[in-house]
N, C-alpha and C. Protein backbone atom coordinates (compact mmCIF):
# COMPACT_ATOMS: atom_id res chain seq x y z
N LYS A 1 -3.73 -7.69 14.27
CA LYS A 1 -2.91 -8.95 14.79
C LYS A 1 -1.51 -8.93 14.37
N GLY A 2 -0.98 -7.71 14.07
CA GLY A 2 0.68 -7.96 13.41
C GLY A 2 0.81 -8.55 12.44
N ALA A 3 -0.03 -9.21 11.18
CA ALA A 3 0.33 -10.50 10.64
C ALA A 3 1.61 -9.85 9.77
N CYS A 4 1.55 -8.81 9.36
CA CYS A 4 1.99 -8.14 8.21
C CYS A 4 3.46 -7.68 8.70
N LEU A 5 4.21 -8.24 9.84
CA LEU A 5 5.67 -7.45 9.88
C LEU A 5 6.49 -7.97 9.49
N GLU A 6 5.92 -9.60 9.44
CA GLU A 6 6.83 -10.41 8.69
C GLU A 6 7.22 -10.19 7.44
N TYR A 7 6.60 -8.90 7.07
CA TYR A 7 6.72 -8.63 5.18
C TYR A 7 7.20 -7.52 4.72
N PHE A 8 7.71 -6.64 6.16
CA PHE A 8 8.47 -5.41 6.22
C PHE A 8 9.97 -5.92 6.30
N PRO A 9 11.23 -5.79 5.50
CA PRO A 9 12.36 -6.11 6.80
C PRO A 9 12.91 -4.95 7.92
N ALA A 10 13.47 -5.09 8.65
CA ALA A 10 13.52 -4.74 10.27
C ALA A 10 14.10 -3.41 9.77
N ASN A 11 14.84 -3.38 8.95
CA ASN A 11 15.73 -1.49 8.55
C ASN A 11 14.21 -0.60 8.51
N THR A 12 13.07 -0.90 7.88
CA THR A 12 11.84 0.10 7.29
C THR A 12 12.01 1.32 7.79
N LEU A 13 12.19 2.53 7.69
CA LEU A 13 11.86 3.58 8.06
C LEU A 13 10.88 3.99 8.26
N VAL A 14 9.53 3.81 8.45
CA VAL A 14 8.33 3.94 9.35
C VAL A 14 7.49 2.80 9.03
N TRP A 15 7.02 2.39 10.02
CA TRP A 15 6.11 1.38 9.52
C TRP A 15 4.44 2.14 10.23
N ALA A 16 3.17 1.64 9.98
CA ALA A 16 2.31 1.89 10.77
C ALA A 16 1.49 0.94 10.19
N GLY A 17 0.34 0.23 11.24
CA GLY A 17 -0.94 -0.70 11.15
C GLY A 17 -1.38 -0.94 12.00
N GLY A 18 -2.55 -1.52 11.53
CA GLY A 18 -4.12 -1.43 12.29
C GLY A 18 -4.70 -2.53 11.82
N ASN A 19 -5.83 -2.97 12.73
CA ASN A 19 -6.67 -3.77 12.29
C ASN A 19 -8.31 -2.76 11.49
N ILE A 20 -8.95 -3.34 10.11
CA ILE A 20 -9.79 -2.30 9.66
C ILE A 20 -10.47 -3.23 9.34
N ASN A 21 -11.99 -2.55 9.23
CA ASN A 21 -13.42 -3.06 8.66
C ASN A 21 -13.78 -2.35 7.70
N GLY A 22 -12.75 -2.44 6.92
CA GLY A 22 -13.69 -1.96 5.24
C GLY A 22 -14.52 -1.37 5.23
N LYS A 23 -15.64 -2.45 4.96
CA LYS A 23 -16.95 -1.96 5.70
C LYS A 23 -17.88 -1.29 5.89
N GLY A 24 -16.90 -0.94 7.46
CA GLY A 24 -17.48 0.14 8.84
C GLY A 24 -16.99 1.87 7.78
N ILE A 25 -15.45 1.80 7.81
CA ILE A 25 -14.61 2.55 7.17
C ILE A 25 -15.76 3.43 5.82
N TYR A 26 -15.98 2.30 4.94
CA TYR A 26 -16.66 2.94 3.65
C TYR A 26 -17.87 3.37 3.93
N ASP A 27 -18.49 2.74 5.33
CA ASP A 27 -20.33 3.31 5.22
C ASP A 27 -20.12 4.58 6.16
N LEU A 28 -19.13 4.78 6.86
CA LEU A 28 -18.36 6.35 7.40
C LEU A 28 -18.64 7.17 6.58
N LEU A 29 -17.36 7.23 5.81
CA LEU A 29 -17.24 7.70 4.65
C LEU A 29 -18.21 8.23 4.14
N CYS A 30 -19.47 7.62 3.73
CA CYS A 30 -20.35 7.66 3.13
C CYS A 30 -21.46 8.65 3.54
N GLU A 31 -21.19 8.64 4.61
CA GLU A 31 -22.14 9.51 5.34
C GLU A 31 -21.95 11.25 5.46
N ASN A 32 -20.91 11.43 5.02
CA ASN A 32 -20.65 13.05 4.00
C ASN A 32 -21.05 12.74 2.79
N PRO A 33 -22.07 13.19 2.66
CA PRO A 33 -23.03 13.79 1.17
C PRO A 33 -21.79 14.13 0.05
N THR A 34 -20.63 14.70 0.34
CA THR A 34 -19.46 14.92 -0.92
C THR A 34 -19.17 13.53 -1.11
N ILE A 35 -18.58 13.40 0.03
CA ILE A 35 -17.67 12.04 -0.38
C ILE A 35 -18.62 10.84 -0.78
N ARG A 36 -19.47 10.69 -0.63
CA ARG A 36 -20.54 9.79 -0.78
C ARG A 36 -20.58 9.68 -2.48
N GLN A 37 -21.38 11.02 -3.14
CA GLN A 37 -21.31 11.65 -4.52
C GLN A 37 -19.83 11.05 -5.03
N ALA A 38 -18.83 11.44 -4.83
CA ALA A 38 -17.31 11.10 -5.25
C ALA A 38 -17.15 9.34 -5.68
N LEU A 39 -17.16 8.69 -4.41
CA LEU A 39 -16.92 7.40 -4.49
C LEU A 39 -17.93 6.72 -5.03
N ASP A 40 -19.42 7.00 -5.43
CA ASP A 40 -20.24 6.28 -6.24
C ASP A 40 -20.66 6.74 -7.73
N ASN A 41 -19.47 7.60 -7.69
CA ASN A 41 -19.56 8.37 -9.46
C ASN A 41 -19.25 7.17 -10.36
N PRO A 42 -20.83 7.55 -11.08
CA PRO A 42 -21.29 6.23 -12.29
C PRO A 42 -20.10 6.32 -13.70
N MET A 43 -19.47 7.20 -13.64
CA MET A 43 -18.31 7.47 -14.63
C MET A 43 -17.09 6.58 -14.28
N LEU A 44 -16.80 6.31 -13.19
CA LEU A 44 -15.72 5.57 -12.90
C LEU A 44 -15.99 4.05 -12.62
N PRO A 45 -16.11 3.12 -13.33
CA PRO A 45 -16.25 1.78 -13.11
C PRO A 45 -15.32 0.62 -12.03
N ILE A 46 -14.77 1.77 -11.05
CA ILE A 46 -14.22 1.35 -10.17
C ILE A 46 -15.22 0.60 -9.04
N ASP A 47 -15.52 -0.68 -8.86
CA ASP A 47 -16.12 -0.98 -7.53
C ASP A 47 -15.45 -0.59 -6.56
N ILE A 48 -15.25 0.87 -5.70
CA ILE A 48 -15.21 1.45 -4.74
C ILE A 48 -15.39 0.57 -3.29
N GLU A 49 -16.67 0.91 -3.57
CA GLU A 49 -17.44 -0.06 -2.27
C GLU A 49 -16.92 -1.71 -2.26
N GLY A 50 -16.79 -2.04 -3.36
CA GLY A 50 -16.23 -3.44 -3.43
C GLY A 50 -14.48 -4.16 -2.43
N ILE A 51 -14.16 -2.93 -2.85
CA ILE A 51 -12.72 -2.49 -2.58
C ILE A 51 -12.54 -2.53 -1.08
N PHE A 52 -13.55 -1.37 -0.58
CA PHE A 52 -13.14 -1.35 0.87
C PHE A 52 -13.90 -2.74 1.43
N SER A 53 -14.82 -2.90 0.77
CA SER A 53 -16.02 -4.27 1.70
C SER A 53 -15.18 -5.52 1.57
N SER A 54 -14.55 -5.16 0.76
CA SER A 54 -13.09 -6.69 0.81
C SER A 54 -11.96 -6.74 1.99
N ILE A 55 -11.92 -5.48 2.59
CA ILE A 55 -10.78 -5.25 3.32
C ILE A 55 -11.32 -5.73 5.00
N HIS A 56 -10.54 -6.50 6.28
CA HIS A 56 -10.94 -6.86 6.35
C HIS A 56 -9.90 -7.44 7.43
N GLY A 57 -9.26 -7.05 8.33
CA GLY A 57 -8.09 -7.18 9.56
C GLY A 57 -6.78 -6.53 9.30
N ASP A 58 -5.76 -6.81 9.14
CA ASP A 58 -4.30 -6.14 9.52
C ASP A 58 -4.49 -5.32 7.71
N VAL A 59 -4.12 -3.86 7.74
CA VAL A 59 -3.69 -3.16 6.80
C VAL A 59 -2.46 -2.75 7.83
N ALA A 60 -1.12 -2.66 6.64
CA ALA A 60 -0.06 -2.05 7.09
C ALA A 60 0.96 -0.96 6.00
N VAL A 61 1.32 -0.38 6.50
CA VAL A 61 1.77 0.25 5.17
C VAL A 61 3.48 0.71 5.98
N GLY A 62 4.11 0.46 4.85
CA GLY A 62 5.98 0.51 4.93
C GLY A 62 6.52 1.48 4.15
N TYR A 63 7.31 2.88 5.12
CA TYR A 63 8.25 3.37 4.00
C TYR A 63 9.31 3.12 4.18
N ASN A 64 10.29 2.48 3.61
CA ASN A 64 11.73 1.90 3.42
C ASN A 64 12.66 2.75 3.87
N SER A 65 12.81 4.04 3.28
CA SER A 65 14.05 4.71 3.71
C SER A 65 13.88 6.07 2.67
N LEU A 66 13.94 7.45 3.10
CA LEU A 66 14.30 8.52 2.36
C LEU A 66 15.41 8.67 0.80
N SER A 67 16.16 7.47 0.86
CA SER A 67 16.71 7.50 -0.43
C SER A 67 16.29 6.58 -1.67
N ASN A 68 15.59 5.64 -1.51
CA ASN A 68 14.56 5.36 -2.29
C ASN A 68 13.18 5.92 -2.70
N ASN A 69 12.66 6.29 -1.73
CA ASN A 69 11.25 6.34 -1.45
C ASN A 69 10.27 5.37 -1.80
N ASP A 70 10.89 4.33 -1.55
CA ASP A 70 9.72 3.26 -1.69
C ASP A 70 8.39 2.89 -0.84
N LEU A 71 7.53 2.68 -1.12
CA LEU A 71 6.20 2.06 -0.63
C LEU A 71 5.67 0.89 -0.46
N LEU A 72 4.99 0.66 0.08
CA LEU A 72 4.36 -0.58 0.17
C LEU A 72 3.02 -0.74 1.27
N ILE A 73 2.28 -1.15 0.54
CA ILE A 73 0.82 -0.89 1.55
C ILE A 73 0.40 -2.78 1.28
N TYR A 74 0.20 -3.76 2.71
CA TYR A 74 -0.65 -4.81 2.43
C TYR A 74 -2.03 -4.33 3.09
N ALA A 75 -3.36 -5.19 2.65
CA ALA A 75 -4.19 -5.37 3.16
C ALA A 75 -4.45 -6.79 3.61
N ASP A 76 -5.45 -7.28 4.34
CA ASP A 76 -6.23 -8.64 4.64
C ASP A 76 -7.11 -8.31 3.94
N VAL A 77 -7.73 -9.21 2.64
CA VAL A 77 -8.75 -9.44 2.05
C VAL A 77 -9.42 -10.16 2.21
N THR A 78 -10.68 -10.07 2.15
CA THR A 78 -11.95 -11.42 2.04
C THR A 78 -11.66 -11.51 0.85
N ASN A 79 -11.85 -10.99 -0.02
CA ASN A 79 -12.12 -11.40 -1.95
C ASN A 79 -11.50 -10.78 -2.45
N LYS A 80 -11.39 -10.79 -3.84
CA LYS A 80 -10.98 -10.50 -4.87
C LYS A 80 -11.72 -10.05 -5.70
N ASP A 81 -12.55 -10.47 -6.07
CA ASP A 81 -13.43 -9.97 -6.74
C ASP A 81 -13.81 -8.46 -7.28
N PHE A 82 -13.42 -7.42 -7.13
CA PHE A 82 -13.09 -6.55 -7.31
C PHE A 82 -11.86 -6.02 -7.99
N LEU A 83 -11.30 -6.95 -8.59
CA LEU A 83 -10.12 -6.92 -9.90
C LEU A 83 -10.85 -6.52 -10.80
N GLN A 84 -12.18 -7.41 -10.50
CA GLN A 84 -12.68 -7.36 -12.30
C GLN A 84 -13.10 -5.96 -12.79
N SER A 85 -13.48 -5.47 -11.46
CA SER A 85 -13.95 -3.43 -11.78
C SER A 85 -12.71 -2.48 -13.07
N PHE A 86 -11.37 -3.25 -12.05
CA PHE A 86 -9.93 -3.08 -12.75
C PHE A 86 -10.36 -3.20 -14.24
N GLU A 87 -10.57 -4.25 -14.78
CA GLU A 87 -10.81 -4.72 -16.15
C GLU A 87 -11.64 -3.83 -17.11
N ASP A 88 -13.03 -3.35 -16.14
CA ASP A 88 -13.61 -2.74 -17.22
C ASP A 88 -13.28 -0.97 -17.08
N LEU A 89 -11.91 -1.16 -16.95
CA LEU A 89 -11.30 0.24 -16.34
C LEU A 89 -10.66 0.60 -17.40
N LYS A 90 -10.05 -0.46 -18.53
CA LYS A 90 -9.46 -0.45 -19.18
C LYS A 90 -9.57 0.02 -20.32
N PRO A 91 -10.64 0.18 -20.95
CA PRO A 91 -11.35 0.62 -22.15
C PRO A 91 -11.57 2.58 -21.85
N LEU A 92 -12.05 2.90 -20.81
CA LEU A 92 -11.63 3.88 -20.23
C LEU A 92 -10.32 5.03 -20.38
N LEU A 93 -9.74 4.33 -19.69
CA LEU A 93 -8.28 4.73 -20.27
C LEU A 93 -7.55 4.82 -21.47
N ALA A 94 -7.93 3.71 -22.16
CA ALA A 94 -7.83 3.52 -23.79
C ALA A 94 -7.89 4.82 -24.49
N MET A 95 -8.75 5.83 -23.70
CA MET A 95 -9.39 6.96 -24.52
C MET A 95 -8.28 7.96 -23.71
N THR A 96 -7.32 7.92 -22.88
CA THR A 96 -6.24 8.64 -22.94
C THR A 96 -5.15 9.17 -23.62
N GLY A 97 -4.88 8.26 -24.66
CA GLY A 97 -4.01 8.24 -25.75
C GLY A 97 -2.63 8.04 -25.21
N GLY A 98 -2.82 6.96 -24.61
CA GLY A 98 -1.42 6.49 -24.02
C GLY A 98 -1.21 7.23 -22.63
N GLN A 99 -1.81 8.51 -21.87
CA GLN A 99 -0.88 8.79 -20.65
C GLN A 99 -1.74 8.46 -19.54
N MET A 100 -2.37 7.46 -19.46
CA MET A 100 -2.84 6.71 -18.39
C MET A 100 -2.69 5.10 -19.12
N GLN A 101 -2.23 4.41 -18.24
CA GLN A 101 -2.67 2.81 -18.76
C GLN A 101 -2.44 1.91 -17.65
N LEU A 102 -3.46 0.68 -17.93
CA LEU A 102 -3.28 0.12 -16.60
C LEU A 102 -3.09 -1.60 -17.47
N ASN A 103 -2.26 -2.30 -17.02
CA ASN A 103 -1.37 -3.10 -17.64
C ASN A 103 -1.61 -4.59 -16.74
N SER A 104 -2.40 -5.55 -16.93
CA SER A 104 -1.93 -7.42 -16.43
C SER A 104 -0.64 -7.23 -16.29
N THR A 105 -0.31 -7.56 -15.55
CA THR A 105 1.53 -8.04 -15.07
C THR A 105 1.61 -9.02 -14.57
N GLY A 106 0.06 -10.20 -14.29
CA GLY A 106 0.53 -11.30 -14.34
C GLY A 106 -1.01 -11.92 -13.56
N LYS A 107 -1.09 -12.93 -12.76
CA LYS A 107 -2.67 -13.32 -12.68
C LYS A 107 -2.78 -12.36 -11.04
N ASP A 108 -4.08 -11.61 -11.52
CA ASP A 108 -4.42 -10.55 -10.51
C ASP A 108 -3.25 -9.66 -9.98
N GLN A 109 -2.40 -9.07 -10.84
CA GLN A 109 -1.89 -8.05 -10.89
C GLN A 109 -1.74 -7.34 -11.61
N TYR A 110 -1.45 -5.91 -11.26
CA TYR A 110 -1.47 -4.78 -12.52
C TYR A 110 -0.61 -3.34 -12.00
N GLU A 111 -0.28 -2.94 -13.12
CA GLU A 111 0.31 -1.36 -13.20
C GLU A 111 -0.27 -0.74 -13.81
N PHE A 112 -0.71 0.41 -12.62
CA PHE A 112 -1.53 1.78 -13.18
C PHE A 112 -0.28 2.48 -14.07
N ARG A 113 -0.37 3.40 -14.96
CA ARG A 113 0.71 3.93 -15.37
C ARG A 113 0.30 5.47 -15.67
N MET A 114 1.04 6.25 -15.01
CA MET A 114 0.51 7.88 -15.33
C MET A 114 1.73 8.22 -15.67
N TYR A 115 2.06 9.04 -16.92
CA TYR A 115 2.73 9.60 -17.86
C TYR A 115 4.20 8.69 -17.25
N ARG A 116 5.05 9.41 -16.42
CA ARG A 116 6.40 8.15 -16.43
C ARG A 116 6.25 7.64 -14.56
N GLN A 117 5.03 7.71 -14.42
CA GLN A 117 4.71 6.90 -13.09
C GLN A 117 4.39 5.55 -13.01
N SER A 118 4.36 4.99 -11.61
CA SER A 118 3.72 3.72 -11.57
C SER A 118 3.46 3.36 -10.69
N ILE A 119 2.21 2.86 -10.52
CA ILE A 119 1.68 1.94 -8.74
C ILE A 119 1.59 0.51 -9.71
N TRP A 120 2.11 -0.34 -8.66
CA TRP A 120 1.74 -2.08 -8.64
C TRP A 120 0.73 -2.22 -7.95
N PHE A 121 -0.34 -3.33 -8.11
CA PHE A 121 -1.01 -4.02 -7.17
C PHE A 121 -1.62 -5.02 -7.87
N GLY A 122 -1.86 -5.77 -6.51
CA GLY A 122 -3.30 -6.99 -6.78
C GLY A 122 -3.12 -7.09 -5.67
N VAL A 123 -3.74 -8.79 -5.97
CA VAL A 123 -3.81 -9.74 -4.45
C VAL A 123 -3.25 -10.80 -4.07
N LYS A 124 -2.49 -11.52 -3.64
CA LYS A 124 -1.66 -12.87 -3.46
C LYS A 124 -2.26 -13.18 -2.29
N ASP A 125 -2.51 -14.16 -2.40
CA ASP A 125 -3.26 -15.29 -0.58
C ASP A 125 -4.10 -14.39 0.04
N ASN A 126 -4.78 -14.04 -0.48
CA ASN A 126 -5.79 -13.01 0.46
C ASN A 126 -4.88 -11.90 0.77
N LEU A 127 -4.24 -11.17 0.22
CA LEU A 127 -3.52 -10.20 0.73
C LEU A 127 -2.83 -8.99 -0.48
N LEU A 128 -4.10 -7.95 -0.61
CA LEU A 128 -3.76 -6.83 -1.66
C LEU A 128 -2.53 -6.31 -0.77
N TYR A 129 -2.36 -5.83 -1.89
CA TYR A 129 -0.64 -4.87 -1.73
C TYR A 129 -1.00 -4.08 -3.22
N ILE A 130 -0.18 -2.87 -2.90
CA ILE A 130 0.31 -1.60 -3.35
C ILE A 130 1.44 -0.92 -3.14
N SER A 131 2.23 -0.90 -4.29
CA SER A 131 3.71 -0.47 -4.28
C SER A 131 3.75 0.90 -5.83
N ASN A 132 5.23 1.30 -4.93
CA ASN A 132 5.41 1.62 -6.06
C ASN A 132 7.11 1.50 -6.78
N ASN A 133 6.87 0.75 -6.51
CA ASN A 133 8.50 -0.38 -6.51
C ASN A 133 7.74 -1.47 -7.99
N GLU A 134 8.41 -1.72 -8.58
CA GLU A 134 7.97 -3.14 -9.30
C GLU A 134 8.77 -4.32 -8.36
N ARG A 135 9.79 -3.76 -7.96
CA ARG A 135 10.66 -5.16 -7.15
C ARG A 135 9.53 -5.52 -5.86
N LEU A 136 9.32 -4.80 -5.39
CA LEU A 136 8.48 -4.80 -4.02
C LEU A 136 6.84 -5.37 -4.35
N ALA A 137 6.85 -5.10 -5.56
CA ALA A 137 5.75 -5.45 -5.95
C ALA A 137 5.48 -6.87 -6.24
N ASP A 138 6.53 -7.24 -7.11
CA ASP A 138 6.65 -8.46 -7.67
C ASP A 138 6.92 -9.54 -6.32
N GLU A 139 7.54 -8.96 -5.48
CA GLU A 139 7.98 -10.26 -4.21
C GLU A 139 6.77 -9.81 -2.84
N ALA A 140 5.86 -9.05 -3.55
CA ALA A 140 4.72 -9.13 -2.27
C ALA A 140 4.25 -10.88 -1.84
N GLY A 141 4.06 -10.01 -0.43
CA GLY A 141 3.80 -11.28 0.43
C GLY A 141 5.33 -12.13 0.57
N ARG A 142 6.28 -11.67 0.57
CA ARG A 142 7.97 -12.43 1.15
C ARG A 142 7.63 -12.11 2.17
N ARG A 143 8.04 -13.33 2.55
CA ARG A 143 8.46 -13.17 4.37
C ARG A 143 10.27 -12.84 4.58
N TYR A 144 10.27 -11.79 5.16
CA TYR A 144 11.44 -12.03 5.47
C TYR A 144 12.36 -12.06 6.41
N GLY A 145 13.57 -12.58 6.39
CA GLY A 145 14.31 -13.67 7.39
C GLY A 145 14.08 -12.79 8.82
N VAL A 146 15.08 -11.43 8.28
CA VAL A 146 15.15 -10.30 9.66
C VAL A 146 13.98 -9.43 9.40
N SER A 147 13.02 -9.41 9.83
CA SER A 147 11.88 -9.07 9.06
C SER A 147 11.80 -7.75 10.87
N LEU A 148 10.56 -7.08 10.67
CA LEU A 148 9.86 -5.97 11.85
C LEU A 148 9.38 -7.17 12.56
N GLN A 149 9.25 -8.07 12.78
CA GLN A 149 8.52 -9.33 13.51
C GLN A 149 9.92 -9.53 14.83
N ASN A 150 10.88 -9.19 14.05
CA ASN A 150 12.04 -9.27 15.00
C ASN A 150 12.42 -8.26 15.99
N THR A 151 11.80 -6.86 15.76
CA THR A 151 12.01 -5.81 16.14
C THR A 151 11.65 -5.48 17.81
N PRO A 152 12.07 -4.74 19.13
CA PRO A 152 11.77 -4.81 19.91
C PRO A 152 10.15 -4.85 20.74
N TRP A 153 10.00 -4.37 19.83
CA TRP A 153 8.40 -3.12 19.70
C TRP A 153 7.49 -4.17 18.90
N ALA A 154 7.73 -5.04 18.05
CA ALA A 154 7.04 -5.88 17.30
C ALA A 154 5.67 -6.45 18.29
N GLY A 155 6.33 -7.21 19.82
CA GLY A 155 5.25 -7.63 20.40
C GLY A 155 3.96 -6.25 20.80
N GLN A 156 4.06 -5.35 20.64
CA GLN A 156 3.22 -4.23 20.95
C GLN A 156 2.60 -4.40 19.91
N VAL A 157 2.54 -4.45 18.89
CA VAL A 157 1.63 -4.25 17.61
C VAL A 157 -0.16 -4.67 18.23
N THR A 158 0.32 -6.26 18.77
CA THR A 158 -1.23 -6.68 18.79
C THR A 158 -1.44 -6.83 19.77
N LYS A 159 -1.52 -5.96 20.95
CA LYS A 159 -2.23 -5.41 21.96
C LYS A 159 -2.65 -3.71 21.67
N ASN A 160 -2.15 -3.28 20.33
CA ASN A 160 -3.02 -2.11 19.78
C ASN A 160 -3.78 -2.40 18.65
N ARG A 161 -4.79 -1.16 18.50
CA ARG A 161 -5.55 -1.06 17.43
C ARG A 161 -5.08 -0.49 16.05
N PHE A 162 -3.98 0.17 16.60
CA PHE A 162 -3.15 0.80 15.43
C PHE A 162 -2.02 0.81 16.34
N PHE A 163 -0.80 1.31 15.34
CA PHE A 163 0.55 1.20 15.93
C PHE A 163 1.45 1.93 14.66
N MET A 164 1.95 2.55 15.36
CA MET A 164 3.06 3.05 14.26
C MET A 164 4.33 2.78 14.74
N ALA A 165 5.54 2.71 13.91
CA ALA A 165 6.71 2.81 14.39
C ALA A 165 7.73 3.94 13.47
N PHE A 166 9.00 4.42 14.02
CA PHE A 166 9.55 5.42 13.35
C PHE A 166 10.99 4.65 13.30
N ASN A 167 11.93 4.59 12.68
CA ASN A 167 13.24 3.49 13.05
C ASN A 167 14.50 4.62 12.49
N ALA A 168 14.94 5.75 13.56
CA ALA A 168 15.41 6.92 14.30
C ALA A 168 17.10 6.32 13.46
N ALA A 169 17.38 5.20 13.71
CA ALA A 169 18.49 4.45 12.78
C ALA A 169 19.07 4.74 11.54
N GLN A 170 17.62 4.51 10.91
CA GLN A 170 17.61 4.58 9.94
C GLN A 170 17.15 5.50 8.71
N LEU A 171 16.82 6.05 9.68
CA LEU A 171 17.16 8.02 9.39
C LEU A 171 18.31 8.43 9.42
N VAL A 172 19.35 8.10 10.45
CA VAL A 172 20.02 8.48 10.70
C VAL A 172 21.38 7.85 9.44
N LYS A 173 21.35 6.66 9.58
CA LYS A 173 21.86 6.23 7.74
C LYS A 173 21.89 6.50 6.86
N ASP A 174 20.01 6.53 6.33
CA ASP A 174 19.73 7.09 5.10
C ASP A 174 20.90 8.60 4.71
N VAL A 175 21.08 9.34 6.36
CA VAL A 175 21.18 10.97 5.66
C VAL A 175 22.89 10.52 5.66
N GLN A 176 23.61 9.59 6.59
CA GLN A 176 24.94 9.70 6.19
C GLN A 176 25.21 9.41 4.34
N GLU A 177 24.27 8.35 4.28
CA GLU A 177 25.23 7.71 3.18
C GLU A 177 24.48 8.19 2.05
N ASN A 178 23.34 9.31 1.62
CA ASN A 178 22.84 10.49 0.50
C ASN A 178 23.13 11.87 1.19
N PRO A 179 24.67 12.53 0.26
CA PRO A 179 24.57 13.45 0.68
C PRO A 179 23.38 15.11 0.31
N ARG A 180 22.68 14.14 -0.88
CA ARG A 180 21.72 15.12 -1.23
C ARG A 180 21.09 15.49 -0.08
N LEU A 181 20.74 14.30 0.97
CA LEU A 181 19.80 14.66 1.82
C LEU A 181 20.29 15.40 3.29
N SER A 182 21.40 15.17 3.14
CA SER A 182 22.28 15.79 4.63
C SER A 182 22.14 17.52 4.15
N ARG A 183 22.09 17.58 2.49
CA ARG A 183 22.39 19.30 2.77
C ARG A 183 20.49 19.76 2.49
N MET A 184 19.75 18.92 2.47
CA MET A 184 18.06 19.16 2.32
C MET A 184 17.93 19.44 4.26
N LEU A 185 18.76 18.63 5.24
CA LEU A 185 18.25 18.97 5.92
C LEU A 185 18.98 19.83 7.21
N GLY A 186 20.09 20.73 5.91
CA GLY A 186 20.39 21.82 6.32
C GLY A 186 21.87 21.30 7.35
N SER A 187 22.64 19.80 6.88
CA SER A 187 23.83 19.34 7.74
C SER A 187 24.99 19.65 6.48
N ASP A 188 26.28 19.41 6.86
CA ASP A 188 27.48 19.96 6.06
C ASP A 188 28.40 18.55 5.86
């Protein structure tokens, strides 16, 4: 459908999106006995099947730039019932002595912290979001005035089951603005 294009700024470095039937993907994965055993692990109180089954529609991944490494993922969900299983995970994480934490940051919003890294996730308006950037997570569902919807290729997204775009102009800009990236890529 391409509905998630408006949630990413037009200068996003890499974007990929597709239309997904999460239950179908879960069933396909479970055809492999090893994967099925990992997904159905009774020691992990997260409803993996519930998460997959709730995803139905557009899924999009955007990577903003090499300078900041911000990642944002969206998925259309039919319900948010699976979030309850994250509440059930909190007592298990409490036994890690603070090395892993799951904090509620708002209604249907969480921060998962492991060591010094965090992932923020939640559901807003039937849209699951996951990000490694707190600001992006707080703004989840924000529609950008100048978004990927305004790019020349946006019309092609709806004609394909999967679509990926790479913004070469943004890559050049990232390299020009960040000397460390330039050195990593072998430029002076």
